[in-house]
Amino acid sequence: MSGKVLLVVPEAPTAGAAAVVTERRIGAGGLRLGILDNSKGNADHLLRFIAEGIKAALPVKSVVSLQKASVSLPAPGEILDQLTAEADFVVSAMAD
């Protein structure tokens, strides 16, 4: 076998990727948590469990929970814009 094999490890930064470091501080009222449900079966249960854990560990001011219309399509710009405006960080998960 001859040729080149390229392996991509999702956990590793890609070559040439710039590190983006932004320090965020928790506001006086707490974090604004965003939840993005990808519409897969049981994702809502998993995300609820994760959100409860975050609320138990950190002060959470608000939670915005949105769901994609289709598991096979990316989140539309309107959902991403709303999460950007209303959340300090977003948790998204898949389940089955």
C-alpha atoms as a PDB file:
ATOM      1  CA  MET A   1       0.000   0.000   0.000  1.00  0.00           C
ATOM      2  CA  SER A   2       1.409   3.322  -0.973  1.00  0.00           C
ATOM      3  CA  GLY A   3      -0.004   6.722  -0.414  1.00  0.00           C
ATOM      4  CA  LYS A   4      -0.609   9.149   2.329  1.00  0.00           C
ATOM      5  CA  VAL A   5      -3.023   8.586   5.213  1.00  0.00           C
ATOM      6  CA  LEU A   6      -4.329  11.604   7.086  1.00  0.00           C
ATOM      7  CA  LEU A   7      -5.775  10.980  10.528  1.00  0.00           C
ATOM      8  CA  VAL A   8      -7.963  13.588  12.175  1.00  0.00           C
ATOM      9  CA  VAL A   9      -8.346  13.497  15.949  1.00  0.00           C
ATOM     10  CA  PRO A  10     -11.367  15.585  16.983  1.00  0.00           C
ATOM     11  CA  GLU A  11      -9.893  16.445  20.381  1.00  0.00           C
ATOM     12  CA  ALA A  12      -6.696  17.886  18.938  1.00  0.00           C
ATOM     13  CA  PRO A  13      -6.472  21.375  17.464  1.00  0.00           C
ATOM     14  CA  THR A  14      -6.091  21.416  13.705  1.00  0.00           C
ATOM     15  CA  ALA A  15      -2.863  22.644  12.201  1.00  0.00           C
ATOM     16  CA  GLY A  16      -2.926  26.393  11.833  1.00  0.00           C
ATOM     17  CA  ALA A  17      -5.902  26.848  14.145  1.00  0.00           C
ATOM     18  CA  ALA A  18      -5.663  29.980  16.193  1.00  0.00           C
ATOM     19  CA  ALA A  19      -6.364  29.684  19.886  1.00  0.00           C
ATOM     20  CA  VAL A  20      -9.236  31.886  20.957  1.00  0.00           C
ATOM     21  CA  VAL A  21      -9.043  32.781  24.590  1.00  0.00           C
ATOM     22  CA  THR A  22     -11.778  34.874  26.082  1.00  0.00           C
ATOM     23  CA  GLU A  23     -12.165  35.244  29.792  1.00  0.00           C
ATOM     24  CA  ARG A  24     -15.738  35.534  30.945  1.00  0.00           C
ATOM     25  CA  ARG A  25     -16.779  36.396  34.444  1.00  0.00           C
ATOM     26  CA  ILE A  26     -19.963  35.322  36.112  1.00  0.00           C
ATOM     27  CA  GLY A  27     -22.239  38.354  36.384  1.00  0.00           C
ATOM     28  CA  ALA A  28     -23.805  39.400  39.666  1.00  0.00           C
ATOM     29  CA  GLY A  29     -26.981  37.451  38.898  1.00  0.00           C
ATOM     30  CA  GLY A  30     -25.197  34.325  37.658  1.00  0.00           C
ATOM     31  CA  LEU A  31     -24.641  32.644  34.311  1.00  0.00           C
ATOM     32  CA  ARG A  32     -27.073  32.724  31.443  1.00  0.00           C
ATOM     33  CA  LEU A  33     -27.237  29.099  30.328  1.00  0.00           C
ATOM     34  CA  GLY A  34     -28.146  28.120  26.770  1.00  0.00           C
ATOM     35  CA  ILE A  35     -29.386  24.651  25.846  1.00  0.00           C
ATOM     36  CA  LEU A  36     -29.474  23.465  22.223  1.00  0.00           C
ATOM     37  CA  ASP A  37     -31.424  20.242  21.715  1.00  0.00           C
ATOM     38  CA  ASN A  38     -30.550  18.505  18.434  1.00  0.00           C
ATOM     39  CA  SER A  39     -33.944  16.690  18.321  1.00  0.00           C
ATOM     40  CA  LYS A  40     -32.537  13.175  18.742  1.00  0.00           C
ATOM     41  CA  GLY A  41     -34.412  10.792  20.984  1.00  0.00           C
ATOM     42  CA  ASN A  42     -33.667  11.342  24.675  1.00  0.00           C
ATOM     43  CA  ALA A  43     -31.481  14.407  24.037  1.00  0.00           C
ATOM     44  CA  ASP A  44     -33.988  16.454  26.043  1.00  0.00           C
ATOM     45  CA  HIS A  45     -33.555  14.131  29.041  1.00  0.00           C
ATOM     46  CA  LEU A  46     -29.760  14.257  28.819  1.00  0.00           C
ATOM     47  CA  LEU A  47     -29.722  18.044  28.497  1.00  0.00           C
ATOM     48  CA  ARG A  48     -32.124  18.457  31.429  1.00  0.00           C
ATOM     49  CA  PHE A  49     -29.813  16.282  33.541  1.00  0.00           C
ATOM     50  CA  ILE A  50     -26.763  18.344  32.518  1.00  0.00           C
ATOM     51  CA  ALA A  51     -28.582  21.645  33.183  1.00  0.00           C
ATOM     52  CA  GLU A  52     -29.602  20.471  36.658  1.00  0.00           C
ATOM     53  CA  GLY A  53     -25.964  19.606  37.399  1.00  0.00           C
ATOM     54  CA  ILE A  54     -24.791  23.012  36.215  1.00  0.00           C
ATOM     55  CA  LYS A  55     -27.442  24.744  38.329  1.00  0.00           C
ATOM     56  CA  ALA A  56     -26.323  22.745  41.373  1.00  0.00           C
ATOM     57  CA  ALA A  57     -22.670  23.681  40.836  1.00  0.00           C
ATOM     58  CA  LEU A  58     -22.903  27.300  39.645  1.00  0.00           C
ATOM     59  CA  PRO A  59     -25.180  30.298  40.066  1.00  0.00           C
ATOM     60  CA  VAL A  60     -27.511  30.333  37.034  1.00  0.00           C
ATOM     61  CA  LYS A  61     -29.453  33.505  36.296  1.00  0.00           C
ATOM     62  CA  SER A  62     -31.512  32.200  33.374  1.00  0.00           C
ATOM     63  CA  VAL A  63     -31.878  29.266  31.001  1.00  0.00           C
ATOM     64  CA  VAL A  64     -32.851  29.510  27.335  1.00  0.00           C
ATOM     65  CA  SER A  65     -33.641  26.119  25.834  1.00  0.00           C
ATOM     66  CA  LEU A  66     -34.077  25.793  22.075  1.00  0.00           C
ATOM     67  CA  GLN A  67     -34.552  22.806  19.795  1.00  0.00           C
ATOM     68  CA  LYS A  68     -33.508  22.260  16.196  1.00  0.00           C
ATOM     69  CA  ALA A  69     -36.327  21.273  13.852  1.00  0.00           C
ATOM     70  CA  SER A  70     -34.355  18.401  12.344  1.00  0.00           C
ATOM     71  CA  VAL A  71     -31.567  16.219  13.650  1.00  0.00           C
ATOM     72  CA  SER A  72     -29.962  16.085  10.203  1.00  0.00           C
ATOM     73  CA  LEU A  73     -29.751  19.836   9.611  1.00  0.00           C
ATOM     74  CA  PRO A  74     -27.593  22.456  11.326  1.00  0.00           C
ATOM     75  CA  ALA A  75     -29.196  24.930  13.676  1.00  0.00           C
ATOM     76  CA  PRO A  76     -30.614  27.859  11.714  1.00  0.00           C
ATOM     77  CA  GLY A  77     -29.108  31.295  12.109  1.00  0.00           C
ATOM     78  CA  GLU A  78     -32.098  32.561  14.096  1.00  0.00           C
ATOM     79  CA  ILE A  79     -31.523  29.952  16.813  1.00  0.00           C
ATOM     80  CA  LEU A  80     -27.792  30.659  16.925  1.00  0.00           C
ATOM     81  CA  ASP A  81     -28.441  34.417  17.084  1.00  0.00           C
ATOM     82  CA  GLN A  82     -30.897  33.968  19.961  1.00  0.00           C
ATOM     83  CA  LEU A  83     -28.439  31.787  21.884  1.00  0.00           C
ATOM     84  CA  THR A  84     -25.669  34.327  21.269  1.00  0.00           C
ATOM     85  CA  ALA A  85     -27.841  37.137  22.612  1.00  0.00           C
ATOM     86  CA  GLU A  86     -29.348  35.315  25.585  1.00  0.00           C
ATOM     87  CA  ALA A  87     -26.650  32.921  26.822  1.00  0.00           C
ATOM     88  CA  ASP A  88     -23.141  33.195  28.213  1.00  0.00           C
ATOM     89  CA  PHE A  89     -22.443  29.607  27.212  1.00  0.00           C
ATOM     90  CA  VAL A  90     -24.356  26.842  25.439  1.00  0.00           C
ATOM     91  CA  VAL A  91     -24.579  23.112  26.051  1.00  0.00           C
ATOM     92  CA  SER A  92     -25.576  20.879  23.147  1.00  0.00           C
ATOM     93  CA  ALA A  93     -25.801  17.101  23.230  1.00  0.00           C
ATOM     94  CA  MET A  94     -26.903  14.087  21.231  1.00  0.00           C
ATOM     95  CA  ALA A  95     -28.618  11.026  22.618  1.00  0.00           C
ATOM     96  CA  ASP A  96     -30.512   7.920  21.607  1.00  0.00           C
END
